[in-house]
């Protein structure tokens, strides 16, 4: 239970208790649903720690300890005012464009301009274009609205603390889905200790069909970028 208590205390100490999704989720009913979901996830995750007392389920216990620590490290970057959303977008587009030729990038740029999406790229190298597209998506999409201020009130009840810990389970579930859907992108995030923050952008990626980019044509990539921004 040490790791779970440490993460809960860490969240409380930094007043990071609830990702309210302030702009994206405004309905009171939906907010209540999210809080109940987080409470259930937190309670379930704490219950899983009972597996630490049995050899049969020791792997589950060790996995959760690892997830807790990686979540804590990722949250530290947010506290330090790192824009983890932009960083995850940059990594995503670098993965997409790293094998594209200059002509392919030019084609993608013109196709985006045809649908009124203008990318201000100073160069058409894979890395340079990834930076430019990540910036445009970060500004033009609603991803920024899904990143809460992360400064909720300090928890005064056990239920609030457990609900806060539910965020870790939500992050772990999201990271696992990414590992299955897009292994290369998951690996890139994992190297930078950001895979546990993927849940912040997962709704936008799902809506845009972003996982399809790993096998999409250039026109398919154009459609994905367009859906992310518009």
C-alpha atoms as a PDB file:
ATOM      1  CA  UNK A   1       0.000   0.000   0.000  1.00  0.00           C
ATOM      2  CA  UNK A   2       3.030   2.317   0.313  1.00  0.00           C
ATOM      3  CA  UNK A   3       3.050   3.291  -3.356  1.00  0.00           C
ATOM      4  CA  UNK A   4      -0.673   4.016  -3.488  1.00  0.00           C
ATOM      5  CA  UNK A   5      -0.554   6.126  -0.322  1.00  0.00           C
ATOM      6  CA  UNK A   6       2.475   7.991  -1.648  1.00  0.00           C
ATOM      7  CA  UNK A   7       0.715   8.906  -4.894  1.00  0.00           C
ATOM      8  CA  UNK A   8      -2.448  10.038  -3.091  1.00  0.00           C
ATOM      9  CA  UNK A   9      -0.381  12.183  -0.718  1.00  0.00           C
ATOM     10  CA  UNK A  10       1.526  13.592  -3.670  1.00  0.00           C
ATOM     11  CA  UNK A  11      -1.676  14.599  -5.434  1.00  0.00           C
ATOM     12  CA  UNK A  12      -3.047  16.179  -2.266  1.00  0.00           C
ATOM     13  CA  UNK A  13       0.146  18.092  -1.539  1.00  0.00           C
ATOM     14  CA  UNK A  14       0.092  19.616  -5.002  1.00  0.00           C
ATOM     15  CA  UNK A  15      -3.675  20.221  -5.005  1.00  0.00           C
ATOM     16  CA  UNK A  16      -4.020  17.967  -8.056  1.00  0.00           C
ATOM     17  CA  UNK A  17      -7.156  16.074  -7.258  1.00  0.00           C
ATOM     18  CA  UNK A  18      -9.601  16.307 -10.124  1.00  0.00           C
ATOM     19  CA  UNK A  19      -9.286  16.737 -13.892  1.00  0.00           C
ATOM     20  CA  UNK A  20     -12.582  18.572 -14.235  1.00  0.00           C
ATOM     21  CA  UNK A  21     -12.317  19.029 -17.996  1.00  0.00           C
ATOM     22  CA  UNK A  22     -13.686  22.496 -17.348  1.00  0.00           C
ATOM     23  CA  UNK A  23     -14.551  23.525 -20.888  1.00  0.00           C
ATOM     24  CA  UNK A  24     -15.080  20.155 -22.489  1.00  0.00           C
ATOM     25  CA  UNK A  25     -17.451  18.903 -19.794  1.00  0.00           C
ATOM     26  CA  UNK A  26     -19.731  21.562 -18.371  1.00  0.00           C
ATOM     27  CA  UNK A  27     -22.916  19.662 -17.566  1.00  0.00           C
ATOM     28  CA  UNK A  28     -23.363  19.005 -13.855  1.00  0.00           C
ATOM     29  CA  UNK A  29     -24.704  15.538 -14.516  1.00  0.00           C
ATOM     30  CA  UNK A  30     -21.605  14.596 -16.506  1.00  0.00           C
ATOM     31  CA  UNK A  31     -19.340  15.985 -13.802  1.00  0.00           C
ATOM     32  CA  UNK A  32     -21.052  13.821 -11.212  1.00  0.00           C
ATOM     33  CA  UNK A  33     -20.693  10.813 -13.492  1.00  0.00           C
ATOM     34  CA  UNK A  34     -16.966  11.493 -13.855  1.00  0.00           C
ATOM     35  CA  UNK A  35     -16.512  11.812 -10.096  1.00  0.00           C
ATOM     36  CA  UNK A  36     -18.357   8.570  -9.445  1.00  0.00           C
ATOM     37  CA  UNK A  37     -16.280   6.852 -12.130  1.00  0.00           C
ATOM     38  CA  UNK A  38     -13.042   8.126 -10.588  1.00  0.00           C
ATOM     39  CA  UNK A  39     -14.185   6.976  -7.153  1.00  0.00           C
ATOM     40  CA  UNK A  40     -14.886   3.495  -8.470  1.00  0.00           C
ATOM     41  CA  UNK A  41     -11.577   3.338 -10.321  1.00  0.00           C
ATOM     42  CA  UNK A  42      -9.665   4.462  -7.252  1.00  0.00           C
ATOM     43  CA  UNK A  43     -11.358   1.952  -4.983  1.00  0.00           C
ATOM     44  CA  UNK A  44     -10.732  -0.838  -7.485  1.00  0.00           C
ATOM     45  CA  UNK A  45      -7.081   0.070  -7.823  1.00  0.00           C
ATOM     46  CA  UNK A  46      -6.602   0.138  -4.058  1.00  0.00           C
ATOM     47  CA  UNK A  47      -8.297  -3.247  -3.842  1.00  0.00           C
ATOM     48  CA  UNK A  48      -5.864  -4.647  -6.396  1.00  0.00           C
ATOM     49  CA  UNK A  49      -3.054  -3.905  -3.956  1.00  0.00           C
ATOM     50  CA  UNK A  50      -4.282  -6.780  -1.808  1.00  0.00           C
ATOM     51  CA  UNK A  51      -2.610  -8.958  -4.460  1.00  0.00           C
ATOM     52  CA  UNK A  52       0.701  -7.893  -2.941  1.00  0.00           C
ATOM     53  CA  UNK A  53       0.073 -10.444  -0.204  1.00  0.00           C
ATOM     54  CA  UNK A  54      -0.152 -13.379  -2.609  1.00  0.00           C
ATOM     55  CA  UNK A  55       2.546 -14.747  -4.874  1.00  0.00           C
ATOM     56  CA  UNK A  56       0.006 -15.621  -7.548  1.00  0.00           C
ATOM     57  CA  UNK A  57      -0.871 -11.988  -8.247  1.00  0.00           C
ATOM     58  CA  UNK A  58       2.485 -10.408  -7.476  1.00  0.00           C
ATOM     59  CA  UNK A  59       2.877  -9.299 -11.117  1.00  0.00           C
ATOM     60  CA  UNK A  60      -0.262  -7.159 -10.842  1.00  0.00           C
ATOM     61  CA  UNK A  61       1.062  -5.533  -7.695  1.00  0.00           C
ATOM     62  CA  UNK A  62       4.422  -4.751  -9.279  1.00  0.00           C
ATOM     63  CA  UNK A  63       2.761  -3.364 -12.398  1.00  0.00           C
ATOM     64  CA  UNK A  64       0.657  -0.969 -10.352  1.00  0.00           C
ATOM     65  CA  UNK A  65       3.676   0.213  -8.400  1.00  0.00           C
ATOM     66  CA  UNK A  66       5.422   0.999 -11.670  1.00  0.00           C
ATOM     67  CA  UNK A  67       2.359   2.833 -13.027  1.00  0.00           C
ATOM     68  CA  UNK A  68       2.041   4.866  -9.839  1.00  0.00           C
ATOM     69  CA  UNK A  69       5.641   6.029 -10.023  1.00  0.00           C
ATOM     70  CA  UNK A  70       5.468   6.847 -13.725  1.00  0.00           C
ATOM     71  CA  UNK A  71       2.233   8.791 -13.197  1.00  0.00           C
ATOM     72  CA  UNK A  72       3.892  10.769 -10.417  1.00  0.00           C
ATOM     73  CA  UNK A  73       6.871  11.628 -12.624  1.00  0.00           C
ATOM     74  CA  UNK A  74       4.606  12.752 -15.473  1.00  0.00           C
ATOM     75  CA  UNK A  75       2.522  14.950 -13.165  1.00  0.00           C
ATOM     76  CA  UNK A  76       5.737  16.556 -11.938  1.00  0.00           C
ATOM     77  CA  UNK A  77       6.289  17.887 -15.440  1.00  0.00           C
ATOM     78  CA  UNK A  78       2.856  19.520 -15.402  1.00  0.00           C
ATOM     79  CA  UNK A  79       3.622  21.131 -12.054  1.00  0.00           C
ATOM     80  CA  UNK A  80       6.812  22.490 -13.595  1.00  0.00           C
ATOM     81  CA  UNK A  81       4.605  24.047 -16.309  1.00  0.00           C
ATOM     82  CA  UNK A  82       5.735  21.744 -19.085  1.00  0.00           C
ATOM     83  CA  UNK A  83       3.175  21.585 -21.889  1.00  0.00           C
ATOM     84  CA  UNK A  84       2.839  17.815 -21.980  1.00  0.00           C
ATOM     85  CA  UNK A  85      -0.034  18.002 -24.473  1.00  0.00           C
ATOM     86  CA  UNK A  86       2.152  19.771 -27.024  1.00  0.00           C
ATOM     87  CA  UNK A  87       5.003  17.375 -26.304  1.00  0.00           C
ATOM     88  CA  UNK A  88       2.789  14.334 -26.935  1.00  0.00           C
ATOM     89  CA  UNK A  89       1.500  15.870 -30.162  1.00  0.00           C
ATOM     90  CA  UNK A  90       5.035  16.611 -31.323  1.00  0.00           C
ATOM     91  CA  UNK A  91       6.085  13.032 -30.689  1.00  0.00           C
ATOM     92  CA  UNK A  92       3.009  11.759 -32.530  1.00  0.00           C
ATOM     93  CA  UNK A  93       3.666  13.810 -35.653  1.00  0.00           C
ATOM     94  CA  UNK A  94       7.383  13.019 -35.620  1.00  0.00           C
ATOM     95  CA  UNK A  95       6.403   9.360 -35.690  1.00  0.00           C
ATOM     96  CA  UNK A  96       4.118  10.003 -38.675  1.00  0.00           C
ATOM     97  CA  UNK A  97       6.471  12.177 -40.715  1.00  0.00           C
ATOM     98  CA  UNK A  98       9.866  10.642 -40.001  1.00  0.00           C
ATOM     99  CA  UNK A  99       9.850   8.530 -43.178  1.00  0.00           C
ATOM    100  CA  UNK A 100       8.097  11.045 -45.441  1.00  0.00           C
ATOM    101  CA  UNK A 101       9.981  12.544 -48.372  1.00  0.00           C
ATOM    102  CA  UNK A 102      10.061  16.242 -49.186  1.00  0.00           C
ATOM    103  CA  UNK A 103       7.564  15.687 -52.017  1.00  0.00           C
ATOM    104  CA  UNK A 104       5.175  13.816 -49.735  1.00  0.00           C
ATOM    105  CA  UNK A 105       5.323  16.582 -47.132  1.00  0.00           C
ATOM    106  CA  UNK A 106       4.690  19.160 -49.857  1.00  0.00           C
ATOM    107  CA  UNK A 107       1.672  17.177 -51.015  1.00  0.00           C
ATOM    108  CA  UNK A 108       0.300  16.974 -47.458  1.00  0.00           C
ATOM    109  CA  UNK A 109       0.847  20.706 -46.953  1.00  0.00           C
ATOM    110  CA  UNK A 110      -1.012  21.607 -50.165  1.00  0.00           C
ATOM    111  CA  UNK A 111      -3.841  19.197 -49.362  1.00  0.00           C
ATOM    112  CA  UNK A 112      -4.268  20.816 -45.948  1.00  0.00           C
ATOM    113  CA  UNK A 113      -4.296  24.278 -47.503  1.00  0.00           C
ATOM    114  CA  UNK A 114      -7.075  23.095 -49.836  1.00  0.00           C
ATOM    115  CA  UNK A 115      -9.288  22.489 -46.783  1.00  0.00           C
ATOM    116  CA  UNK A 116      -8.247  25.790 -45.195  1.00  0.00           C
ATOM    117  CA  UNK A 117      -5.704  24.324 -42.788  1.00  0.00           C
ATOM    118  CA  UNK A 118      -2.501  26.337 -43.011  1.00  0.00           C
ATOM    119  CA  UNK A 119       0.680  24.996 -41.404  1.00  0.00           C
ATOM    120  CA  UNK A 120       3.395  27.587 -40.839  1.00  0.00           C
ATOM    121  CA  UNK A 121       6.425  25.378 -41.431  1.00  0.00           C
ATOM    122  CA  UNK A 122       9.794  27.044 -41.996  1.00  0.00           C
ATOM    123  CA  UNK A 123      11.142  23.861 -43.559  1.00  0.00           C
ATOM    124  CA  UNK A 124       9.700  20.678 -44.982  1.00  0.00           C
ATOM    125  CA  UNK A 125      11.836  18.186 -43.147  1.00  0.00           C
ATOM    126  CA  UNK A 126      10.034  15.508 -41.180  1.00  0.00           C
ATOM    127  CA  UNK A 127      11.038  16.930 -37.793  1.00  0.00           C
ATOM    128  CA  UNK A 128      10.399  20.535 -38.795  1.00  0.00           C
ATOM    129  CA  UNK A 129       6.970  19.798 -40.183  1.00  0.00           C
ATOM    130  CA  UNK A 130       6.095  17.763 -37.086  1.00  0.00           C
ATOM    131  CA  UNK A 131       6.808  20.811 -34.908  1.00  0.00           C
ATOM    132  CA  UNK A 132       4.667  23.042 -37.091  1.00  0.00           C
ATOM    133  CA  UNK A 133       1.709  20.644 -37.276  1.00  0.00           C
ATOM    134  CA  UNK A 134       1.866  19.947 -33.526  1.00  0.00           C
ATOM    135  CA  UNK A 135       1.714  23.697 -32.879  1.00  0.00           C
ATOM    136  CA  UNK A 136      -1.261  24.147 -35.211  1.00  0.00           C
ATOM    137  CA  UNK A 137      -3.174  21.243 -33.688  1.00  0.00           C
ATOM    138  CA  UNK A 138      -2.388  22.422 -30.165  1.00  0.00           C
ATOM    139  CA  UNK A 139      -3.740  25.879 -30.917  1.00  0.00           C
ATOM    140  CA  UNK A 140      -6.567  24.998 -33.276  1.00  0.00           C
ATOM    141  CA  UNK A 141      -8.118  21.978 -31.591  1.00  0.00           C
ATOM    142  CA  UNK A 142      -9.955  21.658 -28.310  1.00  0.00           C
ATOM    143  CA  UNK A 143      -7.192  19.619 -26.691  1.00  0.00           C
ATOM    144  CA  UNK A 144      -6.239  22.552 -24.504  1.00  0.00           C
ATOM    145  CA  UNK A 145      -9.784  22.614 -23.153  1.00  0.00           C
ATOM    146  CA  UNK A 146      -9.438  19.036 -21.979  1.00  0.00           C
ATOM    147  CA  UNK A 147      -6.404  19.781 -19.857  1.00  0.00           C
ATOM    148  CA  UNK A 148      -7.725  20.965 -16.526  1.00  0.00           C
ATOM    149  CA  UNK A 149      -6.048  23.589 -14.401  1.00  0.00           C
ATOM    150  CA  UNK A 150      -5.095  20.674 -12.129  1.00  0.00           C
ATOM    151  CA  UNK A 151      -5.579  22.851  -9.063  1.00  0.00           C
ATOM    152  CA  UNK A 152      -8.682  21.475  -7.425  1.00  0.00           C
ATOM    153  CA  UNK A 153      -9.468  21.891  -3.754  1.00  0.00           C
ATOM    154  CA  UNK A 154      -7.499  19.809  -1.294  1.00  0.00           C
ATOM    155  CA  UNK A 155      -9.269  16.610  -0.382  1.00  0.00           C
ATOM    156  CA  UNK A 156     -11.041  16.673   2.966  1.00  0.00           C
ATOM    157  CA  UNK A 157     -12.500  13.194   2.830  1.00  0.00           C
ATOM    158  CA  UNK A 158     -11.281   9.697   2.193  1.00  0.00           C
ATOM    159  CA  UNK A 159     -13.666   9.489  -0.789  1.00  0.00           C
ATOM    160  CA  UNK A 160     -12.057  12.519  -2.435  1.00  0.00           C
ATOM    161  CA  UNK A 161      -8.609  10.996  -2.014  1.00  0.00           C
ATOM    162  CA  UNK A 162      -9.755   7.683  -3.470  1.00  0.00           C
ATOM    163  CA  UNK A 163     -11.398   9.504  -6.404  1.00  0.00           C
ATOM    164  CA  UNK A 164      -8.116  11.315  -7.017  1.00  0.00           C
ATOM    165  CA  UNK A 165      -6.311   7.991  -7.104  1.00  0.00           C
ATOM    166  CA  UNK A 166      -8.874   6.876  -9.683  1.00  0.00           C
ATOM    167  CA  UNK A 167      -7.073   9.154 -12.135  1.00  0.00           C
ATOM    168  CA  UNK A 168      -4.101   6.830 -12.005  1.00  0.00           C
ATOM    169  CA  UNK A 169      -6.281   3.879 -13.005  1.00  0.00           C
ATOM    170  CA  UNK A 170      -7.817   5.924 -15.803  1.00  0.00           C
ATOM    171  CA  UNK A 171      -4.339   6.854 -17.023  1.00  0.00           C
ATOM    172  CA  UNK A 172      -3.140   3.251 -16.826  1.00  0.00           C
ATOM    173  CA  UNK A 173      -6.144   1.956 -18.792  1.00  0.00           C
ATOM    174  CA  UNK A 174      -5.608   4.605 -21.451  1.00  0.00           C
ATOM    175  CA  UNK A 175      -1.897   3.807 -21.730  1.00  0.00           C
ATOM    176  CA  UNK A 176      -2.696   0.107 -22.119  1.00  0.00           C
ATOM    177  CA  UNK A 177      -5.145   0.830 -24.945  1.00  0.00           C
ATOM    178  CA  UNK A 178      -2.499   2.907 -26.725  1.00  0.00           C
ATOM    179  CA  UNK A 179       0.029   0.096 -26.319  1.00  0.00           C
ATOM    180  CA  UNK A 180      -2.357  -2.200 -28.191  1.00  0.00           C
ATOM    181  CA  UNK A 181      -3.564   0.308 -30.793  1.00  0.00           C
ATOM    182  CA  UNK A 182      -0.316   2.085 -31.681  1.00  0.00           C
ATOM    183  CA  UNK A 183       2.757   0.342 -30.185  1.00  0.00           C
ATOM    184  CA  UNK A 184       5.326   2.610 -31.858  1.00  0.00           C
ATOM    185  CA  UNK A 185       3.743   5.784 -30.491  1.00  0.00           C
ATOM    186  CA  UNK A 186       3.358   4.202 -27.053  1.00  0.00           C
ATOM    187  CA  UNK A 187       7.050   3.314 -27.047  1.00  0.00           C
ATOM    188  CA  UNK A 188       8.005   6.871 -28.010  1.00  0.00           C
ATOM    189  CA  UNK A 189       5.914   8.270 -25.141  1.00  0.00           C
ATOM    190  CA  UNK A 190       7.252   5.656 -22.731  1.00  0.00           C
ATOM    191  CA  UNK A 191      10.840   6.662 -23.381  1.00  0.00           C
ATOM    192  CA  UNK A 192       9.988  10.211 -22.299  1.00  0.00           C
ATOM    193  CA  UNK A 193       7.822   8.999 -19.384  1.00  0.00           C
ATOM    194  CA  UNK A 194       4.661  10.470 -20.882  1.00  0.00           C
ATOM    195  CA  UNK A 195       2.559   7.401 -21.629  1.00  0.00           C
ATOM    196  CA  UNK A 196       0.592   7.884 -18.376  1.00  0.00           C
ATOM    197  CA  UNK A 197      -0.550  11.313 -19.614  1.00  0.00           C
ATOM    198  CA  UNK A 198      -1.961   9.980 -22.874  1.00  0.00           C
ATOM    199  CA  UNK A 199      -5.454   9.918 -21.347  1.00  0.00           C
ATOM    200  CA  UNK A 200      -5.488  13.726 -21.613  1.00  0.00           C
ATOM    201  CA  UNK A 201      -5.516  13.589 -25.419  1.00  0.00           C
ATOM    202  CA  UNK A 202      -7.107  10.186 -25.995  1.00  0.00           C
ATOM    203  CA  UNK A 203     -10.631  11.577 -26.682  1.00  0.00           C
ATOM    204  CA  UNK A 204      -9.312  13.787 -29.482  1.00  0.00           C
ATOM    205  CA  UNK A 205      -7.239  10.956 -30.926  1.00  0.00           C
ATOM    206  CA  UNK A 206     -10.254   8.653 -30.890  1.00  0.00           C
ATOM    207  CA  UNK A 207     -12.448  11.263 -32.555  1.00  0.00           C
ATOM    208  CA  UNK A 208      -9.862  11.941 -35.266  1.00  0.00           C
ATOM    209  CA  UNK A 209      -8.990   8.289 -35.847  1.00  0.00           C
ATOM    210  CA  UNK A 210      -5.368   9.207 -35.118  1.00  0.00           C
ATOM    211  CA  UNK A 211      -4.256   5.600 -34.604  1.00  0.00           C
ATOM    212  CA  UNK A 212      -4.935   4.914 -38.274  1.00  0.00           C
ATOM    213  CA  UNK A 213      -1.989   7.136 -39.240  1.00  0.00           C
ATOM    214  CA  UNK A 214       0.452   4.237 -38.832  1.00  0.00           C
ATOM    215  CA  UNK A 215      -0.917   2.612 -41.994  1.00  0.00           C
ATOM    216  CA  UNK A 216      -2.703   5.551 -43.679  1.00  0.00           C
ATOM    217  CA  UNK A 217      -1.922   7.115 -47.044  1.00  0.00           C
ATOM    218  CA  UNK A 218      -0.906  10.763 -47.275  1.00  0.00           C
ATOM    219  CA  UNK A 219      -4.532  11.722 -47.907  1.00  0.00           C
ATOM    220  CA  UNK A 220      -5.550   9.741 -44.837  1.00  0.00           C
ATOM    221  CA  UNK A 221      -3.061  11.683 -42.733  1.00  0.00           C
ATOM    222  CA  UNK A 222      -4.489  14.927 -44.099  1.00  0.00           C
ATOM    223  CA  UNK A 223      -7.948  13.841 -42.971  1.00  0.00           C
ATOM    224  CA  UNK A 224      -6.669  12.979 -39.494  1.00  0.00           C
ATOM    225  CA  UNK A 225      -4.983  16.354 -39.056  1.00  0.00           C
ATOM    226  CA  UNK A 226      -8.072  18.140 -40.338  1.00  0.00           C
ATOM    227  CA  UNK A 227     -10.323  16.311 -37.881  1.00  0.00           C
ATOM    228  CA  UNK A 228      -7.963  17.160 -35.025  1.00  0.00           C
ATOM    229  CA  UNK A 229      -8.109  20.863 -35.768  1.00  0.00           C
ATOM    230  CA  UNK A 230     -11.659  21.407 -36.976  1.00  0.00           C
END
